[in-house]
Amino acid sequence: MINGLGVLGWGVGGIEAEAVMLGQHISMVLPEVVGFKLTGKLQKFVTATDLVLTVVRMLRDRGVVGKFVEFFGDGVENLSVEDRSTIGNMAPEYGAYMGYFPVDGQTLDYLHRTGRKTHDIDVIEQYSKENKLFRNYALSNNDKVQWTGKVLELDLGSVVPSVSGPKRPHDHVLLKNLQTDF
């Protein structure tokens, strides 16, 4: 869930992890990075779960197995860090190595709210900005980032209440269709 805070992390297989713990080198091919642009705001009564189910379906349809997904766009600013982390945490469900949200003002606010030291937060902000890892979604230059794969786009206002699972979250059913689908 750290990917919702701008910390890049993903799981590796047991053999690779064991090799690294024992001091062995491993090589890996850098994965394709798929951009996922979020715009707008969620409608009233639409939950983070509805959003996650929509995102999972879109990414599964796109085929992101073994890829990184980076979320961007002015809609990201309208999502809490907790909602972002929920989307990032579902990466295994959509098949990607990870779903990533860059550091932004919401990240810094979250660190303040959760009692981190002001000095540490200032260091994170300065480091992120110096290394061009900080996103300000109010600026138009954020769309200059290039991804290696096709960019998907979702207007958060188009997300509607839905259900899924519990064992198969990709079996996404719109709430209005539940009676006929059940």
N, C-alpha and C. Protein backbone atom coordinates (compact mmCIF):
# COMPACT_ATOMS: atom_id res chain seq x y z
N MET A 1 0.81 -1.20 0.00
CA MET A 1 0.00 0.00 0.00
C MET A 1 0.85 1.26 0.00
N ILE A 2 2.17 1.09 0.10
CA ILE A 2 3.07 2.24 0.10
C ILE A 2 3.04 2.98 -1.22
N ASN A 3 2.61 2.32 -2.29
CA ASN A 3 2.56 2.96 -3.60
C ASN A 3 1.57 4.11 -3.64
N GLY A 4 0.61 4.16 -2.72
CA GLY A 4 -0.32 5.27 -2.61
C GLY A 4 0.32 6.51 -2.01
N LEU A 5 1.49 6.34 -1.42
CA LEU A 5 2.23 7.44 -0.79
C LEU A 5 3.43 7.92 -1.62
N GLY A 6 3.59 7.36 -2.81
CA GLY A 6 4.73 7.76 -3.64
C GLY A 6 5.99 6.96 -3.35
N VAL A 7 5.86 5.82 -2.67
CA VAL A 7 7.00 4.95 -2.41
C VAL A 7 6.89 3.77 -3.36
N LEU A 8 7.87 3.60 -4.22
CA LEU A 8 7.84 2.53 -5.22
C LEU A 8 8.18 1.20 -4.57
N GLY A 9 7.28 0.25 -4.65
CA GLY A 9 7.54 -1.07 -4.08
C GLY A 9 6.67 -2.12 -4.73
N TRP A 10 7.21 -3.32 -4.89
CA TRP A 10 6.43 -4.43 -5.42
C TRP A 10 7.01 -5.73 -4.92
N GLY A 11 6.21 -6.77 -4.95
CA GLY A 11 6.63 -8.07 -4.47
C GLY A 11 7.48 -8.80 -5.49
N VAL A 12 8.33 -9.66 -4.98
CA VAL A 12 9.15 -10.51 -5.85
C VAL A 12 8.92 -11.96 -5.46
N GLY A 13 9.31 -12.85 -6.32
CA GLY A 13 9.16 -14.28 -6.03
C GLY A 13 10.11 -14.73 -4.94
N GLY A 14 9.78 -15.86 -4.32
CA GLY A 14 10.58 -16.40 -3.22
C GLY A 14 12.01 -16.70 -3.58
N ILE A 15 12.25 -17.25 -4.76
CA ILE A 15 13.61 -17.59 -5.18
C ILE A 15 14.44 -16.33 -5.33
N GLU A 16 13.87 -15.30 -5.96
CA GLU A 16 14.60 -14.04 -6.13
C GLU A 16 14.90 -13.40 -4.78
N ALA A 17 13.90 -13.39 -3.88
CA ALA A 17 14.10 -12.78 -2.57
C ALA A 17 15.18 -13.52 -1.79
N GLU A 18 15.15 -14.84 -1.83
CA GLU A 18 16.15 -15.63 -1.12
C GLU A 18 17.55 -15.37 -1.68
N ALA A 19 17.66 -15.29 -2.99
CA ALA A 19 18.97 -15.04 -3.61
C ALA A 19 19.55 -13.70 -3.16
N VAL A 20 18.71 -12.67 -3.15
CA VAL A 20 19.19 -11.35 -2.73
C VAL A 20 19.58 -11.36 -1.26
N MET A 21 18.79 -12.03 -0.41
CA MET A 21 19.12 -12.10 1.02
C MET A 21 20.45 -12.80 1.24
N LEU A 22 20.81 -13.70 0.34
CA LEU A 22 22.08 -14.41 0.46
C LEU A 22 23.21 -13.72 -0.29
N GLY A 23 22.96 -12.51 -0.78
CA GLY A 23 24.01 -11.71 -1.41
C GLY A 23 24.20 -11.96 -2.89
N GLN A 24 23.30 -12.69 -3.51
CA GLN A 24 23.42 -12.96 -4.94
C GLN A 24 22.80 -11.81 -5.74
N HIS A 25 23.32 -11.61 -6.91
CA HIS A 25 22.76 -10.59 -7.80
C HIS A 25 21.65 -11.21 -8.63
N ILE A 26 20.65 -10.41 -8.92
CA ILE A 26 19.61 -10.86 -9.85
C ILE A 26 19.48 -9.79 -10.93
N SER A 27 19.07 -10.21 -12.09
CA SER A 27 18.82 -9.24 -13.15
C SER A 27 17.35 -9.27 -13.47
N MET A 28 16.87 -8.15 -13.94
CA MET A 28 15.47 -8.08 -14.33
C MET A 28 15.32 -7.12 -15.48
N VAL A 29 14.34 -7.37 -16.29
CA VAL A 29 14.02 -6.47 -17.38
C VAL A 29 13.10 -5.39 -16.81
N LEU A 30 13.41 -4.14 -17.14
CA LEU A 30 12.55 -3.06 -16.65
C LEU A 30 11.18 -3.20 -17.29
N PRO A 31 10.12 -3.22 -16.48
CA PRO A 31 8.78 -3.41 -17.03
C PRO A 31 8.27 -2.19 -17.78
N GLU A 32 7.30 -2.44 -18.64
CA GLU A 32 6.59 -1.36 -19.31
C GLU A 32 5.81 -0.58 -18.26
N VAL A 33 5.72 0.73 -18.42
CA VAL A 33 4.96 1.57 -17.50
C VAL A 33 3.73 2.10 -18.24
N VAL A 34 2.57 1.74 -17.74
CA VAL A 34 1.30 2.16 -18.32
C VAL A 34 0.79 3.37 -17.54
N GLY A 35 0.46 4.44 -18.23
CA GLY A 35 -0.11 5.61 -17.59
C GLY A 35 -1.62 5.45 -17.46
N PHE A 36 -2.16 5.91 -16.32
CA PHE A 36 -3.60 5.83 -16.09
C PHE A 36 -4.05 7.21 -15.63
N LYS A 37 -4.68 7.97 -16.52
CA LYS A 37 -5.09 9.34 -16.22
C LYS A 37 -6.46 9.36 -15.56
N LEU A 38 -6.52 9.99 -14.39
CA LEU A 38 -7.77 10.15 -13.66
C LEU A 38 -8.17 11.61 -13.73
N THR A 39 -9.43 11.86 -14.10
CA THR A 39 -9.94 13.23 -14.16
C THR A 39 -11.23 13.31 -13.35
N GLY A 40 -11.62 14.51 -12.99
CA GLY A 40 -12.90 14.74 -12.32
C GLY A 40 -12.94 14.31 -10.87
N LYS A 41 -14.17 14.13 -10.37
CA LYS A 41 -14.42 13.75 -8.98
C LYS A 41 -15.45 12.64 -8.95
N LEU A 42 -15.38 11.83 -7.89
CA LEU A 42 -16.38 10.79 -7.69
C LEU A 42 -17.73 11.43 -7.36
N GLN A 43 -18.80 10.82 -7.84
CA GLN A 43 -20.16 11.28 -7.53
C GLN A 43 -20.49 10.95 -6.08
N LYS A 44 -21.51 11.63 -5.58
CA LYS A 44 -22.01 11.35 -4.23
C LYS A 44 -22.48 9.89 -4.19
N PHE A 45 -22.22 9.22 -3.10
CA PHE A 45 -22.59 7.82 -2.84
C PHE A 45 -21.73 6.81 -3.60
N VAL A 46 -20.73 7.25 -4.34
CA VAL A 46 -19.81 6.33 -4.99
C VAL A 46 -18.62 6.17 -4.05
N THR A 47 -18.26 4.94 -3.75
CA THR A 47 -17.21 4.66 -2.77
C THR A 47 -15.88 4.35 -3.44
N ALA A 48 -14.85 4.31 -2.63
CA ALA A 48 -13.53 3.91 -3.12
C ALA A 48 -13.58 2.49 -3.67
N THR A 49 -14.41 1.64 -3.08
CA THR A 49 -14.54 0.26 -3.57
C THR A 49 -15.11 0.26 -4.99
N ASP A 50 -16.10 1.09 -5.26
CA ASP A 50 -16.65 1.21 -6.61
C ASP A 50 -15.56 1.63 -7.60
N LEU A 51 -14.74 2.59 -7.17
CA LEU A 51 -13.65 3.06 -8.01
C LEU A 51 -12.64 1.95 -8.26
N VAL A 52 -12.25 1.25 -7.21
CA VAL A 52 -11.25 0.18 -7.35
C VAL A 52 -11.75 -0.90 -8.30
N LEU A 53 -13.01 -1.29 -8.16
CA LEU A 53 -13.56 -2.33 -9.04
C LEU A 53 -13.56 -1.87 -10.49
N THR A 54 -13.84 -0.60 -10.73
CA THR A 54 -13.81 -0.06 -12.09
C THR A 54 -12.39 -0.06 -12.63
N VAL A 55 -11.44 0.39 -11.82
CA VAL A 55 -10.03 0.43 -12.24
C VAL A 55 -9.52 -0.98 -12.52
N VAL A 56 -9.83 -1.93 -11.64
CA VAL A 56 -9.38 -3.31 -11.83
C VAL A 56 -9.91 -3.85 -13.17
N ARG A 57 -11.17 -3.63 -13.44
CA ARG A 57 -11.75 -4.13 -14.70
C ARG A 57 -11.04 -3.51 -15.91
N MET A 58 -10.83 -2.19 -15.87
CA MET A 58 -10.18 -1.52 -17.00
C MET A 58 -8.77 -2.05 -17.22
N LEU A 59 -8.03 -2.22 -16.14
CA LEU A 59 -6.65 -2.67 -16.26
C LEU A 59 -6.56 -4.14 -16.67
N ARG A 60 -7.47 -4.97 -16.18
CA ARG A 60 -7.50 -6.37 -16.62
C ARG A 60 -7.83 -6.45 -18.12
N ASP A 61 -8.78 -5.61 -18.56
CA ASP A 61 -9.13 -5.59 -19.99
C ASP A 61 -7.95 -5.12 -20.84
N ARG A 62 -7.17 -4.20 -20.31
CA ARG A 62 -6.00 -3.66 -21.03
C ARG A 62 -4.86 -4.68 -21.08
N GLY A 63 -4.76 -5.51 -20.04
CA GLY A 63 -3.68 -6.50 -20.00
C GLY A 63 -2.39 -5.90 -19.48
N VAL A 64 -2.29 -5.73 -18.17
CA VAL A 64 -1.11 -5.09 -17.58
C VAL A 64 -0.25 -6.07 -16.77
N VAL A 65 -0.39 -7.35 -17.05
CA VAL A 65 0.38 -8.36 -16.32
C VAL A 65 1.88 -8.07 -16.51
N GLY A 66 2.60 -8.04 -15.39
CA GLY A 66 4.04 -7.81 -15.43
C GLY A 66 4.43 -6.38 -15.75
N LYS A 67 3.53 -5.43 -15.59
CA LYS A 67 3.82 -4.03 -15.89
C LYS A 67 3.65 -3.17 -14.65
N PHE A 68 4.16 -1.95 -14.71
CA PHE A 68 3.91 -0.95 -13.70
C PHE A 68 2.75 -0.08 -14.22
N VAL A 69 1.94 0.43 -13.31
CA VAL A 69 0.88 1.37 -13.67
C VAL A 69 1.10 2.63 -12.83
N GLU A 70 1.19 3.78 -13.50
CA GLU A 70 1.32 5.05 -12.79
C GLU A 70 0.06 5.87 -13.01
N PHE A 71 -0.55 6.28 -11.90
CA PHE A 71 -1.77 7.08 -11.94
C PHE A 71 -1.39 8.55 -11.92
N PHE A 72 -2.08 9.33 -12.74
CA PHE A 72 -1.79 10.77 -12.82
C PHE A 72 -3.07 11.50 -13.23
N GLY A 73 -3.00 12.80 -13.34
CA GLY A 73 -4.14 13.60 -13.76
C GLY A 73 -4.77 14.33 -12.59
N ASP A 74 -5.56 15.34 -12.91
CA ASP A 74 -6.14 16.17 -11.86
C ASP A 74 -7.11 15.41 -10.97
N GLY A 75 -7.62 14.28 -11.40
CA GLY A 75 -8.51 13.48 -10.56
C GLY A 75 -7.80 12.87 -9.37
N VAL A 76 -6.49 12.65 -9.49
CA VAL A 76 -5.71 12.08 -8.38
C VAL A 76 -5.80 12.99 -7.17
N GLU A 77 -5.80 14.27 -7.42
CA GLU A 77 -5.86 15.26 -6.35
C GLU A 77 -7.16 15.13 -5.53
N ASN A 78 -8.19 14.57 -6.13
CA ASN A 78 -9.48 14.41 -5.46
C ASN A 78 -9.61 13.09 -4.71
N LEU A 79 -8.56 12.30 -4.69
CA LEU A 79 -8.57 11.02 -3.98
C LEU A 79 -7.72 11.12 -2.73
N SER A 80 -8.20 10.55 -1.64
CA SER A 80 -7.41 10.53 -0.42
C SER A 80 -6.25 9.54 -0.59
N VAL A 81 -5.25 9.67 0.24
CA VAL A 81 -4.12 8.73 0.22
C VAL A 81 -4.63 7.32 0.51
N GLU A 82 -5.62 7.21 1.37
CA GLU A 82 -6.19 5.89 1.69
C GLU A 82 -6.83 5.26 0.45
N ASP A 83 -7.56 6.07 -0.33
CA ASP A 83 -8.17 5.56 -1.56
C ASP A 83 -7.10 5.17 -2.58
N ARG A 84 -6.07 5.98 -2.68
CA ARG A 84 -4.97 5.67 -3.59
C ARG A 84 -4.29 4.36 -3.18
N SER A 85 -4.09 4.20 -1.89
CA SER A 85 -3.45 2.98 -1.39
C SER A 85 -4.31 1.75 -1.67
N THR A 86 -5.62 1.91 -1.60
CA THR A 86 -6.52 0.80 -1.91
C THR A 86 -6.35 0.38 -3.37
N ILE A 87 -6.26 1.35 -4.26
CA ILE A 87 -6.05 1.05 -5.68
C ILE A 87 -4.68 0.39 -5.87
N GLY A 88 -3.65 0.93 -5.24
CA GLY A 88 -2.32 0.35 -5.34
C GLY A 88 -2.26 -1.07 -4.80
N ASN A 89 -2.98 -1.31 -3.72
CA ASN A 89 -2.98 -2.61 -3.07
C ASN A 89 -3.65 -3.68 -3.94
N MET A 90 -4.47 -3.28 -4.88
CA MET A 90 -5.17 -4.22 -5.76
C MET A 90 -4.35 -4.61 -6.98
N ALA A 91 -3.10 -4.17 -7.06
CA ALA A 91 -2.27 -4.49 -8.23
C ALA A 91 -2.26 -5.98 -8.56
N PRO A 92 -2.16 -6.89 -7.59
CA PRO A 92 -2.21 -8.31 -7.96
C PRO A 92 -3.53 -8.69 -8.65
N GLU A 93 -4.61 -8.00 -8.32
CA GLU A 93 -5.90 -8.31 -8.93
C GLU A 93 -5.96 -7.86 -10.38
N TYR A 94 -5.29 -6.75 -10.71
CA TYR A 94 -5.28 -6.35 -12.11
C TYR A 94 -4.04 -6.85 -12.84
N GLY A 95 -3.16 -7.55 -12.14
CA GLY A 95 -2.06 -8.26 -12.78
C GLY A 95 -0.75 -7.51 -12.87
N ALA A 96 -0.73 -6.25 -12.46
CA ALA A 96 0.49 -5.46 -12.57
C ALA A 96 1.44 -5.75 -11.40
N TYR A 97 2.71 -5.44 -11.60
CA TYR A 97 3.64 -5.51 -10.48
C TYR A 97 3.23 -4.53 -9.40
N MET A 98 2.80 -3.34 -9.83
CA MET A 98 2.36 -2.35 -8.85
C MET A 98 1.60 -1.23 -9.53
N GLY A 99 0.75 -0.55 -8.74
CA GLY A 99 0.05 0.65 -9.14
C GLY A 99 0.59 1.78 -8.28
N TYR A 100 1.08 2.83 -8.90
CA TYR A 100 1.86 3.87 -8.22
C TYR A 100 1.22 5.25 -8.35
N PHE A 101 1.22 5.99 -7.24
CA PHE A 101 0.78 7.38 -7.21
C PHE A 101 1.97 8.22 -6.75
N PRO A 102 2.43 9.19 -7.55
CA PRO A 102 3.57 10.02 -7.16
C PRO A 102 3.30 10.85 -5.91
N VAL A 103 4.36 11.31 -5.29
CA VAL A 103 4.26 12.20 -4.12
C VAL A 103 3.62 13.51 -4.57
N ASP A 104 2.68 14.00 -3.77
CA ASP A 104 2.05 15.29 -4.04
C ASP A 104 1.64 15.92 -2.72
N GLY A 105 0.87 16.99 -2.79
CA GLY A 105 0.43 17.68 -1.57
C GLY A 105 -0.38 16.79 -0.65
N GLN A 106 -1.19 15.90 -1.20
CA GLN A 106 -1.99 14.96 -0.38
C GLN A 106 -1.06 14.04 0.43
N THR A 107 0.03 13.63 -0.18
CA THR A 107 1.00 12.78 0.52
C THR A 107 1.57 13.50 1.72
N LEU A 108 1.97 14.75 1.52
CA LEU A 108 2.54 15.54 2.61
C LEU A 108 1.51 15.79 3.71
N ASP A 109 0.27 16.08 3.32
CA ASP A 109 -0.80 16.27 4.31
C ASP A 109 -1.01 14.99 5.13
N TYR A 110 -0.99 13.85 4.46
CA TYR A 110 -1.16 12.57 5.15
C TYR A 110 -0.04 12.37 6.18
N LEU A 111 1.17 12.69 5.81
CA LEU A 111 2.30 12.54 6.74
C LEU A 111 2.12 13.45 7.95
N HIS A 112 1.63 14.67 7.73
CA HIS A 112 1.34 15.58 8.84
C HIS A 112 0.26 15.00 9.75
N ARG A 113 -0.84 14.53 9.14
CA ARG A 113 -1.97 14.00 9.91
C ARG A 113 -1.60 12.76 10.73
N THR A 114 -0.62 12.02 10.26
CA THR A 114 -0.26 10.78 10.96
C THR A 114 0.94 10.95 11.87
N GLY A 115 1.26 12.22 12.19
CA GLY A 115 2.24 12.50 13.24
C GLY A 115 3.70 12.43 12.86
N ARG A 116 4.02 12.50 11.60
CA ARG A 116 5.44 12.49 11.21
C ARG A 116 6.07 13.83 11.57
N LYS A 117 7.36 13.82 11.79
CA LYS A 117 8.09 15.03 12.17
C LYS A 117 8.13 16.01 11.00
N THR A 118 7.93 17.29 11.32
CA THR A 118 7.92 18.34 10.29
C THR A 118 9.23 18.34 9.50
N HIS A 119 10.35 18.16 10.19
CA HIS A 119 11.65 18.13 9.50
C HIS A 119 11.69 17.01 8.46
N ASP A 120 11.21 15.82 8.83
CA ASP A 120 11.21 14.68 7.90
C ASP A 120 10.33 14.95 6.69
N ILE A 121 9.19 15.56 6.93
CA ILE A 121 8.26 15.88 5.83
C ILE A 121 8.90 16.92 4.90
N ASP A 122 9.58 17.90 5.47
CA ASP A 122 10.27 18.90 4.66
C ASP A 122 11.35 18.27 3.79
N VAL A 123 12.07 17.31 4.34
CA VAL A 123 13.11 16.59 3.57
C VAL A 123 12.47 15.82 2.42
N ILE A 124 11.37 15.13 2.70
CA ILE A 124 10.66 14.37 1.66
C ILE A 124 10.20 15.30 0.54
N GLU A 125 9.62 16.43 0.92
CA GLU A 125 9.14 17.38 -0.08
C GLU A 125 10.29 17.93 -0.91
N GLN A 126 11.36 18.35 -0.25
CA GLN A 126 12.50 18.92 -0.98
C GLN A 126 13.13 17.88 -1.89
N TYR A 127 13.35 16.67 -1.39
CA TYR A 127 13.95 15.60 -2.20
C TYR A 127 13.08 15.29 -3.42
N SER A 128 11.77 15.17 -3.19
CA SER A 128 10.86 14.85 -4.29
C SER A 128 10.85 15.93 -5.35
N LYS A 129 10.87 17.17 -4.93
CA LYS A 129 10.86 18.27 -5.89
C LYS A 129 12.18 18.38 -6.64
N GLU A 130 13.29 18.23 -5.92
CA GLU A 130 14.62 18.31 -6.55
C GLU A 130 14.81 17.24 -7.61
N ASN A 131 14.22 16.07 -7.38
CA ASN A 131 14.39 14.94 -8.30
C ASN A 131 13.22 14.78 -9.27
N LYS A 132 12.38 15.82 -9.34
CA LYS A 132 11.23 15.84 -10.25
C LYS A 132 10.30 14.65 -10.04
N LEU A 133 10.13 14.26 -8.78
CA LEU A 133 9.23 13.18 -8.41
C LEU A 133 7.94 13.70 -7.79
N PHE A 134 7.87 15.00 -7.55
CA PHE A 134 6.71 15.63 -6.92
C PHE A 134 5.75 16.09 -8.01
N ARG A 135 4.45 15.83 -7.80
CA ARG A 135 3.44 16.24 -8.77
C ARG A 135 2.56 17.34 -8.18
N ASN A 136 2.37 18.37 -8.98
CA ASN A 136 1.40 19.42 -8.68
C ASN A 136 0.38 19.36 -9.81
N TYR A 137 -0.77 18.79 -9.54
CA TYR A 137 -1.75 18.54 -10.59
C TYR A 137 -2.41 19.80 -11.12
N ALA A 138 -2.19 20.93 -10.46
CA ALA A 138 -2.73 22.20 -10.96
C ALA A 138 -1.91 22.72 -12.14
N LEU A 139 -0.68 22.24 -12.29
CA LEU A 139 0.18 22.68 -13.38
C LEU A 139 -0.05 21.82 -14.61
N SER A 140 -0.04 22.43 -15.76
CA SER A 140 -0.32 21.69 -17.00
C SER A 140 0.86 20.85 -17.45
N ASN A 141 2.06 21.08 -16.93
CA ASN A 141 3.23 20.35 -17.41
C ASN A 141 3.28 18.90 -16.92
N ASN A 142 2.33 18.50 -16.09
CA ASN A 142 2.33 17.11 -15.62
C ASN A 142 2.05 16.13 -16.72
N ASP A 143 1.41 16.55 -17.80
CA ASP A 143 1.10 15.65 -18.91
C ASP A 143 2.30 15.43 -19.82
N LYS A 144 3.45 16.04 -19.51
CA LYS A 144 4.65 15.86 -20.34
C LYS A 144 5.37 14.55 -20.02
N VAL A 145 4.96 13.89 -18.97
CA VAL A 145 5.55 12.59 -18.63
C VAL A 145 5.17 11.61 -19.72
N GLN A 146 6.12 10.77 -20.13
CA GLN A 146 5.83 9.78 -21.17
C GLN A 146 5.89 8.39 -20.57
N TRP A 147 4.94 7.57 -20.98
CA TRP A 147 4.89 6.19 -20.53
C TRP A 147 5.26 5.28 -21.69
N THR A 148 5.72 4.08 -21.37
CA THR A 148 6.13 3.15 -22.42
C THR A 148 4.93 2.45 -23.05
N GLY A 149 3.80 2.46 -22.37
CA GLY A 149 2.61 1.81 -22.89
C GLY A 149 1.50 2.81 -23.15
N LYS A 150 0.40 2.31 -23.65
CA LYS A 150 -0.77 3.13 -23.93
C LYS A 150 -1.31 3.73 -22.64
N VAL A 151 -1.79 4.97 -22.70
CA VAL A 151 -2.36 5.64 -21.54
C VAL A 151 -3.87 5.38 -21.50
N LEU A 152 -4.35 4.91 -20.36
CA LEU A 152 -5.78 4.75 -20.15
C LEU A 152 -6.31 6.00 -19.46
N GLU A 153 -7.60 6.25 -19.59
CA GLU A 153 -8.18 7.43 -18.96
C GLU A 153 -9.53 7.09 -18.35
N LEU A 154 -9.79 7.64 -17.16
CA LEU A 154 -11.05 7.43 -16.47
C LEU A 154 -11.52 8.74 -15.85
N ASP A 155 -12.74 9.13 -16.20
CA ASP A 155 -13.38 10.27 -15.55
C ASP A 155 -14.03 9.72 -14.28
N LEU A 156 -13.57 10.16 -13.12
CA LEU A 156 -14.09 9.66 -11.85
C LEU A 156 -15.59 9.87 -11.74
N GLY A 157 -16.13 10.88 -12.41
CA GLY A 157 -17.55 11.14 -12.39
C GLY A 157 -18.37 10.06 -13.09
N SER A 158 -17.71 9.23 -13.90
CA SER A 158 -18.43 8.17 -14.62
C SER A 158 -18.51 6.87 -13.81
N VAL A 159 -17.84 6.81 -12.68
CA VAL A 159 -17.86 5.60 -11.84
C VAL A 159 -19.20 5.53 -11.13
N VAL A 160 -19.81 4.35 -11.15
CA VAL A 160 -21.11 4.16 -10.53
C VAL A 160 -21.02 3.05 -9.48
N PRO A 161 -21.97 3.02 -8.53
CA PRO A 161 -21.95 1.96 -7.51
C PRO A 161 -21.99 0.57 -8.15
N SER A 162 -21.23 -0.35 -7.55
CA SER A 162 -21.13 -1.70 -8.10
C SER A 162 -20.78 -2.69 -7.00
N VAL A 163 -20.83 -3.96 -7.35
CA VAL A 163 -20.46 -5.03 -6.42
C VAL A 163 -19.55 -6.00 -7.15
N SER A 164 -18.87 -6.83 -6.35
CA SER A 164 -17.97 -7.82 -6.91
C SER A 164 -17.57 -8.80 -5.84
N GLY A 165 -16.98 -9.90 -6.29
CA GLY A 165 -16.35 -10.83 -5.37
C GLY A 165 -17.32 -11.75 -4.67
N PRO A 166 -16.94 -12.29 -3.54
CA PRO A 166 -15.75 -11.94 -2.78
C PRO A 166 -14.47 -12.59 -3.32
N LYS A 167 -14.59 -13.67 -4.08
CA LYS A 167 -13.38 -14.36 -4.53
C LYS A 167 -12.89 -13.87 -5.88
N ARG A 168 -13.72 -13.22 -6.65
CA ARG A 168 -13.33 -12.82 -8.00
C ARG A 168 -13.65 -11.33 -8.20
N PRO A 169 -12.77 -10.44 -7.73
CA PRO A 169 -13.06 -9.01 -7.81
C PRO A 169 -13.19 -8.50 -9.25
N HIS A 170 -12.69 -9.25 -10.21
CA HIS A 170 -12.83 -8.80 -11.59
C HIS A 170 -14.23 -9.08 -12.15
N ASP A 171 -15.05 -9.84 -11.41
CA ASP A 171 -16.44 -10.04 -11.81
C ASP A 171 -17.27 -8.85 -11.31
N HIS A 172 -17.06 -7.77 -11.94
CA HIS A 172 -17.60 -6.46 -11.57
C HIS A 172 -19.01 -6.32 -12.12
N VAL A 173 -19.99 -6.08 -11.25
CA VAL A 173 -21.38 -5.94 -11.67
C VAL A 173 -21.90 -4.58 -11.19
N LEU A 174 -22.45 -3.81 -12.10
CA LEU A 174 -23.02 -2.53 -11.71
C LEU A 174 -24.23 -2.80 -10.81
N LEU A 175 -24.37 -2.00 -9.77
CA LEU A 175 -25.44 -2.20 -8.80
C LEU A 175 -26.82 -2.21 -9.48
N LYS A 176 -27.00 -1.36 -10.49
CA LYS A 176 -28.29 -1.31 -11.19
C LYS A 176 -28.57 -2.59 -11.96
N ASN A 177 -27.53 -3.40 -12.25
CA ASN A 177 -27.71 -4.66 -13.00
C ASN A 177 -27.69 -5.88 -12.08
N LEU A 178 -27.60 -5.68 -10.80
CA LEU A 178 -27.43 -6.79 -9.86
C LEU A 178 -28.58 -7.79 -9.91
N GLN A 179 -29.81 -7.32 -9.98
CA GLN A 179 -30.95 -8.22 -9.96
C GLN A 179 -30.95 -9.15 -11.16
N THR A 180 -30.62 -8.65 -12.34
CA THR A 180 -30.61 -9.50 -13.53
C THR A 180 -29.36 -10.37 -13.59
N ASP A 181 -28.25 -9.90 -13.04
CA ASP A 181 -26.99 -10.65 -13.08
C ASP A 181 -26.91 -11.73 -12.01
N PHE A 182 -27.63 -11.54 -10.92
CA PHE A 182 -27.58 -12.46 -9.79
C PHE A 182 -28.15 -13.79 -10.21
